Structure formats: C-alpha cells, structure tokens
Amino acid sequence: MSEHQIQVSIISYLDRVLPSTIRAVGVSNNPRSAIAGAKEKARGMRKGFPDILLTGAFHGLLEVKQEGSYLRPEQEEWRDFLAAQQVPVAVVRSIDDVRETLTGWGVRLREAA
C-alpha cells in the first residue's frame, strides 16, 4: 500500500474510534509542483511536518510511512523538535500501529470502550 492509501485508511479508522473530544486532521504537505510548493510555504506549510494532527482534548501528531520507508531529515527535525516540547509524535505504518500508539498515549478509543 502507498503512504496515501495507508493515511486514508488511518483517517477513516480514527473517524470511527476517536472519542468525540478529539479530532484527526490530515495535514497537506505534499505540493505537486514548485509553484504549488511556494504557495503552500507562503501559507504556512512546513516541509517534513507530520501527516496527521490530533487535536481537541488531546494533542499529538502522526507521521505515516509505508513499510521499508524511513523519516527524511526534515521529518526527523520535526520529530525531535516536537518531542523536546513534550508533544506526542509517532511514526505509524498501519492501523495496528495507530491503535497501539494512541493506547500508549492514554487515549481511550471507542472500540475499546
């Protein structure tokens, strides 16, 4: 599965299982051209920022990667920056990874209720 397909399945899963006090938002950070990239950067997009933002009663970030794919240097910088600010951030490759990560962060999922 591509990272896009994995992220789509993760967002669908999160929409079903997150408590009503937390929402998942996909972060658009993959411009299709240099011009689009310049426009996105001017609007505040930051290269390497995680793919999914969890917000509401809990704040955290998820970086979606397919098997065998690793963080780019910009993504490592964001991970390290966020972790230094004590913002929960994780790399996930599947719905199982998301479930395990959120449970580890103390987020009570509706499927577990």
C-alpha atoms as a PDB file:
ATOM      1  CA  MET A   1       0.000   0.000   0.000  1.00  0.00           C
ATOM      2  CA  SER A   2       1.176   3.553  -0.707  1.00  0.00           C
ATOM      3  CA  GLU A   3       1.538   6.114   2.082  1.00  0.00           C
ATOM      4  CA  HIS A   4      -1.527   7.854   0.655  1.00  0.00           C
ATOM      5  CA  GLN A   5      -3.611   4.677   0.922  1.00  0.00           C
ATOM      6  CA  ILE A   6      -2.328   3.993   4.439  1.00  0.00           C
ATOM      7  CA  GLN A   7      -3.182   7.542   5.536  1.00  0.00           C
ATOM      8  CA  VAL A   8      -6.678   7.326   4.030  1.00  0.00           C
ATOM      9  CA  SER A   9      -7.329   4.084   5.946  1.00  0.00           C
ATOM     10  CA  ILE A  10      -5.923   5.587   9.166  1.00  0.00           C
ATOM     11  CA  ILE A  11      -8.102   8.714   8.891  1.00  0.00           C
ATOM     12  CA  SER A  12     -11.170   6.540   8.282  1.00  0.00           C
ATOM     13  CA  TYR A  13     -10.266   4.432  11.321  1.00  0.00           C
ATOM     14  CA  LEU A  14      -9.688   7.496  13.517  1.00  0.00           C
ATOM     15  CA  ASP A  15     -13.032   8.975  12.453  1.00  0.00           C
ATOM     16  CA  ARG A  16     -14.687   5.803  13.795  1.00  0.00           C
ATOM     17  CA  VAL A  17     -12.779   5.287  17.048  1.00  0.00           C
ATOM     18  CA  LEU A  18     -11.640   8.627  18.457  1.00  0.00           C
ATOM     19  CA  PRO A  19     -13.707   9.981  21.330  1.00  0.00           C
ATOM     20  CA  SER A  20     -15.934  12.959  20.483  1.00  0.00           C
ATOM     21  CA  THR A  21     -13.441  15.262  22.252  1.00  0.00           C
ATOM     22  CA  ILE A  22     -10.597  14.529  19.807  1.00  0.00           C
ATOM     23  CA  ARG A  23     -10.473  15.062  16.051  1.00  0.00           C
ATOM     24  CA  ALA A  24      -7.978  13.946  13.417  1.00  0.00           C
ATOM     25  CA  VAL A  25      -6.898  16.330  10.664  1.00  0.00           C
ATOM     26  CA  GLY A  26      -4.795  15.426   7.643  1.00  0.00           C
ATOM     27  CA  VAL A  27      -2.020  17.941   7.022  1.00  0.00           C
ATOM     28  CA  SER A  28      -1.490  18.799   3.360  1.00  0.00           C
ATOM     29  CA  ASN A  29       2.254  18.945   2.860  1.00  0.00           C
ATOM     30  CA  ASN A  30       2.922  17.324  -0.485  1.00  0.00           C
ATOM     31  CA  PRO A  31       2.789  20.019  -3.182  1.00  0.00           C
ATOM     32  CA  ARG A  32       2.515  18.858  -6.783  1.00  0.00           C
ATOM     33  CA  SER A  33       4.874  21.459  -8.276  1.00  0.00           C
ATOM     34  CA  ALA A  34       7.454  24.089  -7.327  1.00  0.00           C
ATOM     35  CA  ILE A  35       4.852  26.831  -7.782  1.00  0.00           C
ATOM     36  CA  ALA A  36       2.327  24.980  -5.614  1.00  0.00           C
ATOM     37  CA  GLY A  37       5.072  24.366  -3.044  1.00  0.00           C
ATOM     38  CA  ALA A  38       5.949  28.067  -2.907  1.00  0.00           C
ATOM     39  CA  LYS A  39       2.278  28.969  -2.412  1.00  0.00           C
ATOM     40  CA  GLU A  40       1.862  26.356   0.324  1.00  0.00           C
ATOM     41  CA  LYS A  41       5.043  27.528   2.083  1.00  0.00           C
ATOM     42  CA  ALA A  42       3.766  31.123   1.995  1.00  0.00           C
ATOM     43  CA  ARG A  43       0.516  29.890   3.589  1.00  0.00           C
ATOM     44  CA  GLY A  44       2.462  28.241   6.420  1.00  0.00           C
ATOM     45  CA  MET A  45       3.155  24.714   5.204  1.00  0.00           C
ATOM     46  CA  ARG A  46       6.402  23.395   6.648  1.00  0.00           C
ATOM     47  CA  LYS A  47       8.427  20.688   4.928  1.00  0.00           C
ATOM     48  CA  GLY A  48       8.563  17.496   6.976  1.00  0.00           C
ATOM     49  CA  PHE A  49       5.659  18.331   9.316  1.00  0.00           C
ATOM     50  CA  PRO A  50       3.754  15.178  10.371  1.00  0.00           C
ATOM     51  CA  ASP A  51       0.832  13.941   8.268  1.00  0.00           C
ATOM     52  CA  ILE A  52      -1.945  13.738  10.859  1.00  0.00           C
ATOM     53  CA  LEU A  53      -2.777  16.181  13.640  1.00  0.00           C
ATOM     54  CA  LEU A  54      -4.848  15.030  16.600  1.00  0.00           C
ATOM     55  CA  THR A  55      -6.484  17.977  18.341  1.00  0.00           C
ATOM     56  CA  GLY A  56      -9.090  18.759  20.963  1.00  0.00           C
ATOM     57  CA  ALA A  57      -8.865  17.287  24.454  1.00  0.00           C
ATOM     58  CA  PHE A  58      -5.586  15.652  23.379  1.00  0.00           C
ATOM     59  CA  HIS A  59      -2.875  16.901  21.049  1.00  0.00           C
ATOM     60  CA  GLY A  60      -0.495  14.642  19.137  1.00  0.00           C
ATOM     61  CA  LEU A  61       0.941  14.058  15.687  1.00  0.00           C
ATOM     62  CA  LEU A  62       1.338  11.009  13.475  1.00  0.00           C
ATOM     63  CA  GLU A  63       3.782  10.599  10.605  1.00  0.00           C
ATOM     64  CA  VAL A  64       2.575   7.958   8.145  1.00  0.00           C
ATOM     65  CA  LYS A  65       5.201   5.760   6.491  1.00  0.00           C
ATOM     66  CA  GLN A  66       4.898   2.613   4.428  1.00  0.00           C
ATOM     67  CA  GLU A  67       6.932  -0.467   5.339  1.00  0.00           C
ATOM     68  CA  GLY A  68      10.594  -0.018   4.490  1.00  0.00           C
ATOM     69  CA  SER A  69      10.293   3.776   4.320  1.00  0.00           C
ATOM     70  CA  TYR A  70      12.063   5.996   6.845  1.00  0.00           C
ATOM     71  CA  LEU A  71      11.956   9.582   8.037  1.00  0.00           C
ATOM     72  CA  ARG A  72      13.634  12.189   5.869  1.00  0.00           C
ATOM     73  CA  PRO A  73      15.966  14.656   7.649  1.00  0.00           C
ATOM     74  CA  GLU A  74      13.238  17.350   7.770  1.00  0.00           C
ATOM     75  CA  GLN A  75      10.845  14.859   9.356  1.00  0.00           C
ATOM     76  CA  GLU A  76      13.470  13.858  11.919  1.00  0.00           C
ATOM     77  CA  GLU A  77      13.934  17.548  12.782  1.00  0.00           C
ATOM     78  CA  TRP A  78      10.186  17.961  13.364  1.00  0.00           C
ATOM     79  CA  ARG A  79      10.028  14.758  15.427  1.00  0.00           C
ATOM     80  CA  ASP A  80      12.919  15.915  17.603  1.00  0.00           C
ATOM     81  CA  PHE A  81      11.536  19.461  17.961  1.00  0.00           C
ATOM     82  CA  LEU A  82       8.066  18.240  18.928  1.00  0.00           C
ATOM     83  CA  ALA A  83       9.414  15.633  21.337  1.00  0.00           C
ATOM     84  CA  ALA A  84      11.569  18.315  23.011  1.00  0.00           C
ATOM     85  CA  GLN A  85       8.356  20.316  23.560  1.00  0.00           C
ATOM     86  CA  GLN A  86       6.746  17.182  25.027  1.00  0.00           C
ATOM     87  CA  VAL A  87       4.282  16.945  22.140  1.00  0.00           C
ATOM     88  CA  PRO A  88       3.384  13.307  21.453  1.00  0.00           C
ATOM     89  CA  VAL A  89       4.618  12.324  17.991  1.00  0.00           C
ATOM     90  CA  ALA A  90       4.979   8.885  16.401  1.00  0.00           C
ATOM     91  CA  VAL A  91       5.687   7.144  13.117  1.00  0.00           C
ATOM     92  CA  VAL A  92       2.890   4.762  12.142  1.00  0.00           C
ATOM     93  CA  ARG A  93       2.692   2.247   9.308  1.00  0.00           C
ATOM     94  CA  SER A  94      -0.716   0.667   9.929  1.00  0.00           C
ATOM     95  CA  ILE A  95      -3.961   0.903  11.843  1.00  0.00           C
ATOM     96  CA  ASP A  96      -2.465  -1.511  14.383  1.00  0.00           C
ATOM     97  CA  ASP A  97       0.418   0.941  14.926  1.00  0.00           C
ATOM     98  CA  VAL A  98      -2.085   3.777  15.427  1.00  0.00           C
ATOM     99  CA  ARG A  99      -4.129   1.738  17.906  1.00  0.00           C
ATOM    100  CA  GLU A 100      -1.007   0.788  19.879  1.00  0.00           C
ATOM    101  CA  THR A 101       0.356   4.360  19.812  1.00  0.00           C
ATOM    102  CA  LEU A 102      -2.872   6.002  20.959  1.00  0.00           C
ATOM    103  CA  THR A 103      -3.401   3.423  23.691  1.00  0.00           C
ATOM    104  CA  GLY A 104       0.167   4.055  24.857  1.00  0.00           C
ATOM    105  CA  TRP A 105      -0.572   7.777  24.959  1.00  0.00           C
ATOM    106  CA  GLY A 106      -3.602   7.089  27.151  1.00  0.00           C
ATOM    107  CA  VAL A 107      -6.239   7.903  24.523  1.00  0.00           C
ATOM    108  CA  ARG A 108      -9.319   5.800  25.173  1.00  0.00           C
ATOM    109  CA  LEU A 109     -10.687   4.634  21.831  1.00  0.00           C
ATOM    110  CA  ARG A 110     -14.386   3.954  21.295  1.00  0.00           C
ATOM    111  CA  GLU A 111     -13.623   0.447  20.022  1.00  0.00           C
ATOM    112  CA  ALA A 112     -12.062  -0.323  23.427  1.00  0.00           C
ATOM    113  CA  ALA A 113     -14.939   1.150  25.450  1.00  0.00           C
END
